PDB file of N, CA and C in Angstrom:
ATOM      1  N   LEU A   1       5.170  -6.527  -6.411  1.00  0.00           N
ATOM      2  CA  LEU A   1       4.925  -7.924  -6.570  1.00  0.00           C
ATOM      3  C   LEU A   1       3.432  -8.170  -6.226  1.00  0.00           C
ATOM      4  N   VAL A   2       2.751  -8.846  -7.110  1.00  0.00           N
ATOM      5  CA  VAL A   2       1.337  -9.193  -6.897  1.00  0.00           C
ATOM      6  C   VAL A   2       1.275 -10.707  -6.842  1.00  0.00           C
ATOM      7  N   VAL A   3       0.755 -11.181  -5.769  1.00  0.00           N
ATOM      8  CA  VAL A   3       0.542 -12.665  -5.627  1.00  0.00           C
ATOM      9  C   VAL A   3      -1.007 -12.815  -5.488  1.00  0.00           C
ATOM     10  N   GLU A   4      -1.623 -13.584  -6.358  1.00  0.00           N
ATOM     11  CA  GLU A   4      -3.050 -13.768  -6.466  1.00  0.00           C
ATOM     12  C   GLU A   4      -3.391 -15.215  -6.241  1.00  0.00           C
ATOM     13  N   ARG A   5      -4.384 -15.493  -5.480  1.00  0.00           N
ATOM     14  CA  ARG A   5      -4.875 -16.840  -5.285  1.00  0.00           C
ATOM     15  C   ARG A   5      -6.392 -16.793  -5.234  1.00  0.00           C
ATOM     16  N   ILE A   6      -6.983 -17.949  -5.404  1.00  0.00           N
ATOM     17  CA  ILE A   6      -8.458 -18.007  -5.283  1.00  0.00           C
ATOM     18  C   ILE A   6      -8.756 -18.042  -3.772  1.00  0.00           C
ATOM     19  N   ARG A   7      -9.710 -17.190  -3.339  1.00  0.00           N
ATOM     20  CA  ARG A   7     -10.036 -17.086  -1.962  1.00  0.00           C
ATOM     21  C   ARG A   7     -11.503 -16.670  -1.814  1.00  0.00           C
ATOM     22  N   PRO A   8     -12.065 -16.820  -0.632  1.00  0.00           N
ATOM     23  CA  PRO A   8     -13.411 -16.412  -0.406  1.00  0.00           C
ATOM     24  C   PRO A   8     -13.538 -14.884  -0.569  1.00  0.00           C
ATOM     25  N   ARG A   9     -14.722 -14.448  -0.998  1.00  0.00           N
ATOM     26  CA  ARG A   9     -14.995 -13.033  -1.282  1.00  0.00           C
ATOM     27  C   ARG A   9     -14.800 -12.106  -0.038  1.00  0.00           C
ATOM     28  N   ASP A  10     -14.939 -12.611   1.140  1.00  0.00           N
ATOM     29  CA  ASP A  10     -14.806 -11.820   2.354  1.00  0.00           C
ATOM     30  C   ASP A  10     -13.414 -11.652   2.899  1.00  0.00           C
ATOM     31  N   VAL A  11     -12.437 -12.191   2.221  1.00  0.00           N
ATOM     32  CA  VAL A  11     -11.029 -12.108   2.641  1.00  0.00           C
ATOM     33  C   VAL A  11     -10.497 -10.710   2.069  1.00  0.00           C
ATOM     34  N   HIS A  12      -9.777 -10.030   2.996  1.00  0.00           N
ATOM     35  CA  HIS A  12      -9.244  -8.701   2.583  1.00  0.00           C
ATOM     36  C   HIS A  12      -7.867  -8.820   1.930  1.00  0.00           C
ATOM     37  N   ASP A  13      -7.575  -7.875   1.175  1.00  0.00           N
ATOM     38  CA  ASP A  13      -6.281  -7.744   0.440  1.00  0.00           C
ATOM     39  C   ASP A  13      -5.474  -6.690   1.248  1.00  0.00           C
ATOM     40  N   ALA A  14      -4.233  -6.879   1.456  1.00  0.00           N
ATOM     41  CA  ALA A  14      -3.384  -5.882   2.084  1.00  0.00           C
ATOM     42  C   ALA A  14      -2.335  -5.320   1.192  1.00  0.00           C
ATOM     43  N   PHE A  15      -2.142  -4.020   1.276  1.00  0.00           N
ATOM     44  CA  PHE A  15      -1.158  -3.316   0.489  1.00  0.00           C
ATOM     45  C   PHE A  15      -0.251  -2.629   1.432  1.00  0.00           C
ATOM     46  N   GLU A  16       1.024  -2.743   1.256  1.00  0.00           N
ATOM     47  CA  GLU A  16       2.043  -2.202   2.210  1.00  0.00           C
ATOM     48  C   GLU A  16       3.130  -1.476   1.428  1.00  0.00           C
ATOM     49  N   TRP A  17       3.624  -0.355   1.970  1.00  0.00           N
ATOM     50  CA  TRP A  17       4.683   0.399   1.443  1.00  0.00           C
ATOM     51  C   TRP A  17       5.797   0.456   2.446  1.00  0.00           C
ATOM     52  N   TYR A  18       7.064   0.258   2.077  1.00  0.00           N
ATOM     53  CA  TYR A  18       8.177   0.249   2.975  1.00  0.00           C
ATOM     54  C   TYR A  18       9.201   1.309   2.647  1.00  0.00           C
ATOM     55  N   CYS A  19       9.898   1.724   3.671  1.00  0.00           N
ATOM     56  CA  CYS A  19      10.916   2.724   3.588  1.00  0.00           C
ATOM     57  C   CYS A  19      12.106   2.151   2.743  1.00  0.00           C
ATOM     58  N   PRO A  20      12.551   2.875   1.731  1.00  0.00           N
ATOM     59  CA  PRO A  20      13.692   2.414   0.983  1.00  0.00           C
ATOM     60  C   PRO A  20      15.028   2.502   1.654  1.00  0.00           C
ATOM     61  N   LYS A  21      15.042   3.229   2.853  1.00  0.00           N
ATOM     62  CA  LYS A  21      16.277   3.376   3.584  1.00  0.00           C
ATOM     63  C   LYS A  21      16.442   2.328   4.647  1.00  0.00           C
ATOM     64  N   CYS A  22      15.350   2.122   5.480  1.00  0.00           N
ATOM     65  CA  CYS A  22      15.472   1.235   6.626  1.00  0.00           C
ATOM     66  C   CYS A  22      14.492   0.065   6.588  1.00  0.00           C
ATOM     67  N   TRP A  23      13.716  -0.054   5.633  1.00  0.00           N
ATOM     68  CA  TRP A  23      12.770  -1.064   5.390  1.00  0.00           C
ATOM     69  C   TRP A  23      11.595  -1.223   6.479  1.00  0.00           C
ATOM     70  N   ALA A  24      11.399  -0.122   7.194  1.00  0.00           N
ATOM     71  CA  ALA A  24      10.239  -0.123   8.112  1.00  0.00           C
ATOM     72  C   ALA A  24       8.932   0.101   7.259  1.00  0.00           C
ATOM     73  N   ARG A  25       7.862  -0.352   7.777  1.00  0.00           N
ATOM     74  CA  ARG A  25       6.601  -0.192   7.078  1.00  0.00           C
ATOM     75  C   ARG A  25       6.151   1.264   7.269  1.00  0.00           C
ATOM     76  N   VAL A  26       5.867   1.880   6.140  1.00  0.00           N
ATOM     77  CA  VAL A  26       5.497   3.261   6.094  1.00  0.00           C
ATOM     78  C   VAL A  26       3.966   3.434   6.051  1.00  0.00           C
ATOM     79  N   HIS A  27       3.311   2.526   5.349  1.00  0.00           N
ATOM     80  CA  HIS A  27       1.838   2.584   5.112  1.00  0.00           C
ATOM     81  C   HIS A  27       1.238   1.198   4.903  1.00  0.00           C
ATOM     82  N   ARG A  28       0.051   0.946   5.416  1.00  0.00           N
ATOM     83  CA  ARG A  28      -0.650  -0.356   5.160  1.00  0.00           C
ATOM     84  C   ARG A  28      -2.105  -0.040   5.053  1.00  0.00           C
ATOM     85  N   VAL A  29      -2.754  -0.751   4.127  1.00  0.00           N
ATOM     86  CA  VAL A  29      -4.191  -0.614   3.982  1.00  0.00           C
ATOM     87  C   VAL A  29      -4.760  -1.968   3.623  1.00  0.00           C
ATOM     88  N   GLU A  30      -5.839  -2.292   4.254  1.00  0.00           N
ATOM     89  CA  GLU A  30      -6.552  -3.559   3.995  1.00  0.00           C
ATOM     90  C   GLU A  30      -7.919  -3.279   3.382  1.00  0.00           C
ATOM     91  N   VAL A  31      -8.257  -3.871   2.320  1.00  0.00           N
ATOM     92  CA  VAL A  31      -9.536  -3.750   1.708  1.00  0.00           C
ATOM     93  C   VAL A  31      -9.990  -5.032   1.005  1.00  0.00           C
ATOM     94  N   ASN A  32     -11.225  -5.081   0.724  1.00  0.00           N
ATOM     95  CA  ASN A  32     -11.740  -6.234  -0.029  1.00  0.00           C
ATOM     96  C   ASN A  32     -11.874  -5.752  -1.502  1.00  0.00           C
ATOM     97  N   VAL A  33     -10.882  -6.090  -2.290  1.00  0.00           N
ATOM     98  CA  VAL A  33     -10.874  -5.680  -3.697  1.00  0.00           C
ATOM     99  C   VAL A  33     -11.823  -6.523  -4.554  1.00  0.00           C
ATOM    100  N   GLN A  34     -12.733  -5.754  -5.182  1.00  0.00           N
ATOM    101  CA  GLN A  34     -13.635  -6.441  -6.098  1.00  0.00           C
ATOM    102  C   GLN A  34     -13.237  -6.255  -7.547  1.00  0.00           C
ATOM    103  N   ASN A  35     -12.612  -5.128  -7.854  1.00  0.00           N
ATOM    104  CA  ASN A  35     -12.186  -4.799  -9.187  1.00  0.00           C
ATOM    105  C   ASN A  35     -10.919  -3.931  -9.061  1.00  0.00           C
ATOM    106  N   ILE A  36      -9.789  -4.503  -9.547  1.00  0.00           N
ATOM    107  CA  ILE A  36      -8.473  -3.776  -9.426  1.00  0.00           C
ATOM    108  C   ILE A  36      -8.413  -2.469 -10.200  1.00  0.00           C
ATOM    109  N   VAL A  37      -9.213  -2.447 -11.309  1.00  0.00           N
ATOM    110  CA  VAL A  37      -9.179  -1.234 -12.115  1.00  0.00           C
ATOM    111  C   VAL A  37      -9.837  -0.058 -11.405  1.00  0.00           C
ATOM    112  N   THR A  38     -10.876  -0.281 -10.658  1.00  0.00           N
ATOM    113  CA  THR A  38     -11.537   0.812  -9.936  1.00  0.00           C
ATOM    114  C   THR A  38     -11.196   0.865  -8.451  1.00  0.00           C
ATOM    115  N   ASP A  39     -10.837  -0.214  -7.825  1.00  0.00           N
ATOM    116  CA  ASP A  39     -10.567  -0.182  -6.323  1.00  0.00           C
ATOM    117  C   ASP A  39      -9.144   0.209  -5.992  1.00  0.00           C
ATOM    118  N   LEU A  40      -8.149  -0.044  -6.861  1.00  0.00           N
ATOM    119  CA  LEU A  40      -6.760   0.225  -6.476  1.00  0.00           C
ATOM    120  C   LEU A  40      -6.314   1.728  -6.639  1.00  0.00           C
ATOM    121  N   PRO A  41      -6.720   2.376  -7.736  1.00  0.00           N
ATOM    122  CA  PRO A  41      -6.194   3.731  -7.912  1.00  0.00           C
ATOM    123  C   PRO A  41      -6.470   4.630  -6.678  1.00  0.00           C
ATOM    124  N   PRO A  42      -7.637   4.617  -6.020  1.00  0.00           N
ATOM    125  CA  PRO A  42      -7.800   5.480  -4.870  1.00  0.00           C
ATOM    126  C   PRO A  42      -6.874   5.110  -3.655  1.00  0.00           C
ATOM    127  N   LEU A  43      -6.568   3.840  -3.518  1.00  0.00           N
ATOM    128  CA  LEU A  43      -5.602   3.405  -2.499  1.00  0.00           C
ATOM    129  C   LEU A  43      -4.216   3.989  -2.726  1.00  0.00           C
ATOM    130  N   PHE A  44      -3.716   3.908  -3.945  1.00  0.00           N
ATOM    131  CA  PHE A  44      -2.431   4.442  -4.287  1.00  0.00           C
ATOM    132  C   PHE A  44      -2.470   5.941  -4.191  1.00  0.00           C
ATOM    133  N   ALA A  45      -3.522   6.651  -4.660  1.00  0.00           N
ATOM    134  CA  ALA A  45      -3.625   8.098  -4.590  1.00  0.00           C
ATOM    135  C   ALA A  45      -3.567   8.568  -3.149  1.00  0.00           C
ATOM    136  N   ALA A  46      -4.239   7.809  -2.249  1.00  0.00           N
ATOM    137  CA  ALA A  46      -4.226   8.194  -0.816  1.00  0.00           C
ATOM    138  C   ALA A  46      -2.808   8.114  -0.241  1.00  0.00           C
ATOM    139  N   PHE A  47      -2.051   7.053  -0.642  1.00  0.00           N
ATOM    140  CA  PHE A  47      -0.673   6.975  -0.163  1.00  0.00           C
ATOM    141  C   PHE A  47       0.118   8.048  -0.735  1.00  0.00           C
ATOM    142  N   TYR A  48       0.065   8.351  -2.002  1.00  0.00           N
ATOM    143  CA  TYR A  48       0.842   9.362  -2.678  1.00  0.00           C
ATOM    144  C   TYR A  48       0.553  10.740  -2.064  1.00  0.00           C
ATOM    145  N   ALA A  49      -0.676  10.954  -1.634  1.00  0.00           N
ATOM    146  CA  ALA A  49      -1.104  12.286  -1.061  1.00  0.00           C
ATOM    147  C   ALA A  49      -0.722  12.389   0.472  1.00  0.00           C
ATOM    148  N   SER A  50      -0.326  11.263   1.045  1.00  0.00           N
ATOM    149  CA  SER A  50       0.058  11.299   2.505  1.00  0.00           C
ATOM    150  C   SER A  50       1.459  11.796   2.667  1.00  0.00           C
ATOM    151  N   SER A  51       1.830  11.947   3.873  1.00  0.00           N
ATOM    152  CA  SER A  51       3.225  12.465   4.171  1.00  0.00           C
ATOM    153  C   SER A  51       4.270  11.408   3.762  1.00  0.00           C
ATOM    154  N   ARG A  52       3.992  10.165   3.787  1.00  0.00           N
ATOM    155  CA  ARG A  52       4.943   9.127   3.368  1.00  0.00           C
ATOM    156  C   ARG A  52       6.238   9.160   4.254  1.00  0.00           C
ATOM    157  N   LYS A  53       6.147   9.699   5.423  1.00  0.00           N
ATOM    158  CA  LYS A  53       7.299   9.752   6.357  1.00  0.00           C
ATOM    159  C   LYS A  53       7.446   8.490   7.112  1.00  0.00           C
ATOM    160  N   CYS A  54       8.703   7.947   7.050  1.00  0.00           N
ATOM    161  CA  CYS A  54       8.975   6.707   7.773  1.00  0.00           C
ATOM    162  C   CYS A  54       8.962   6.875   9.269  1.00  0.00           C
ATOM    163  N   PRO A  55       8.223   6.088   9.950  1.00  0.00           N
ATOM    164  CA  PRO A  55       8.109   6.238  11.441  1.00  0.00           C
ATOM    165  C   PRO A  55       9.376   5.889  12.219  1.00  0.00           C
ATOM    166  N   ARG A  56      10.335   5.142  11.551  1.00  0.00           N
ATOM    167  CA  ARG A  56      11.587   4.819  12.154  1.00  0.00           C
ATOM    168  C   ARG A  56      12.742   5.801  11.936  1.00  0.00           C
ATOM    169  N   CYS A  57      12.899   6.114  10.687  1.00  0.00           N
ATOM    170  CA  CYS A  57      14.143   6.983  10.402  1.00  0.00           C
ATOM    171  C   CYS A  57      13.733   8.331   9.842  1.00  0.00           C
ATOM    172  N   GLY A  58      12.464   8.636   9.580  1.00  0.00           N
ATOM    173  CA  GLY A  58      12.057   9.916   9.113  1.00  0.00           C
ATOM    174  C   GLY A  58      12.221  10.226   7.604  1.00  0.00           C
ATOM    175  N   HIS A  59      12.810   9.260   6.911  1.00  0.00           N
ATOM    176  CA  HIS A  59      12.937   9.410   5.459  1.00  0.00           C
ATOM    177  C   HIS A  59      11.598   9.483   4.779  1.00  0.00           C
ATOM    178  N   ILE A  60      11.458  10.371   3.790  1.00  0.00           N
ATOM    179  CA  ILE A  60      10.162  10.459   3.038  1.00  0.00           C
ATOM    180  C   ILE A  60      10.233   9.516   1.890  1.00  0.00           C
ATOM    181  N   HIS A  61       9.191   8.588   1.794  1.00  0.00           N
ATOM    182  CA  HIS A  61       9.131   7.668   0.753  1.00  0.00           C
ATOM    183  C   HIS A  61       8.918   8.471  -0.567  1.00  0.00           C
ATOM    184  N   PRO A  62       9.573   8.135  -1.616  1.00  0.00           N
ATOM    185  CA  PRO A  62       9.429   8.888  -2.842  1.00  0.00           C
ATOM    186  C   PRO A  62       8.053   8.841  -3.546  1.00  0.00           C
ATOM    187  N   GLY A  63       7.201   7.916  -3.172  1.00  0.00           N
ATOM    188  CA  GLY A  63       5.888   7.809  -3.816  1.00  0.00           C
ATOM    189  C   GLY A  63       6.016   7.198  -5.197  1.00  0.00           C
ATOM    190  N   LYS A  64       5.441   7.847  -6.114  1.00  0.00           N
ATOM    191  CA  LYS A  64       5.564   7.366  -7.500  1.00  0.00           C
ATOM    192  C   LYS A  64       7.002   7.466  -7.934  1.00  0.00           C
ATOM    193  N   GLY A  65       7.559   6.501  -8.640  1.00  0.00           N
ATOM    194  CA  GLY A  65       8.904   6.548  -9.065  1.00  0.00           C
ATOM    195  C   GLY A  65       8.942   6.175 -10.438  1.00  0.00           C
TER     196      GLY A  65
END
């Protein structure tokens, strides 16, 4: 889900991934997105390359699905 609104340029965007088993937050990153085409792919790539292990239940987030 993407919710976009007009906001000042210095406001950060947050991206969060949640465990599909227990809904605990697995990963969060805050950035100031200037261009979604160039700024977002490295954020997603970093998450996909991480362990993606849930801190609560240990389930591994599937990443790309």
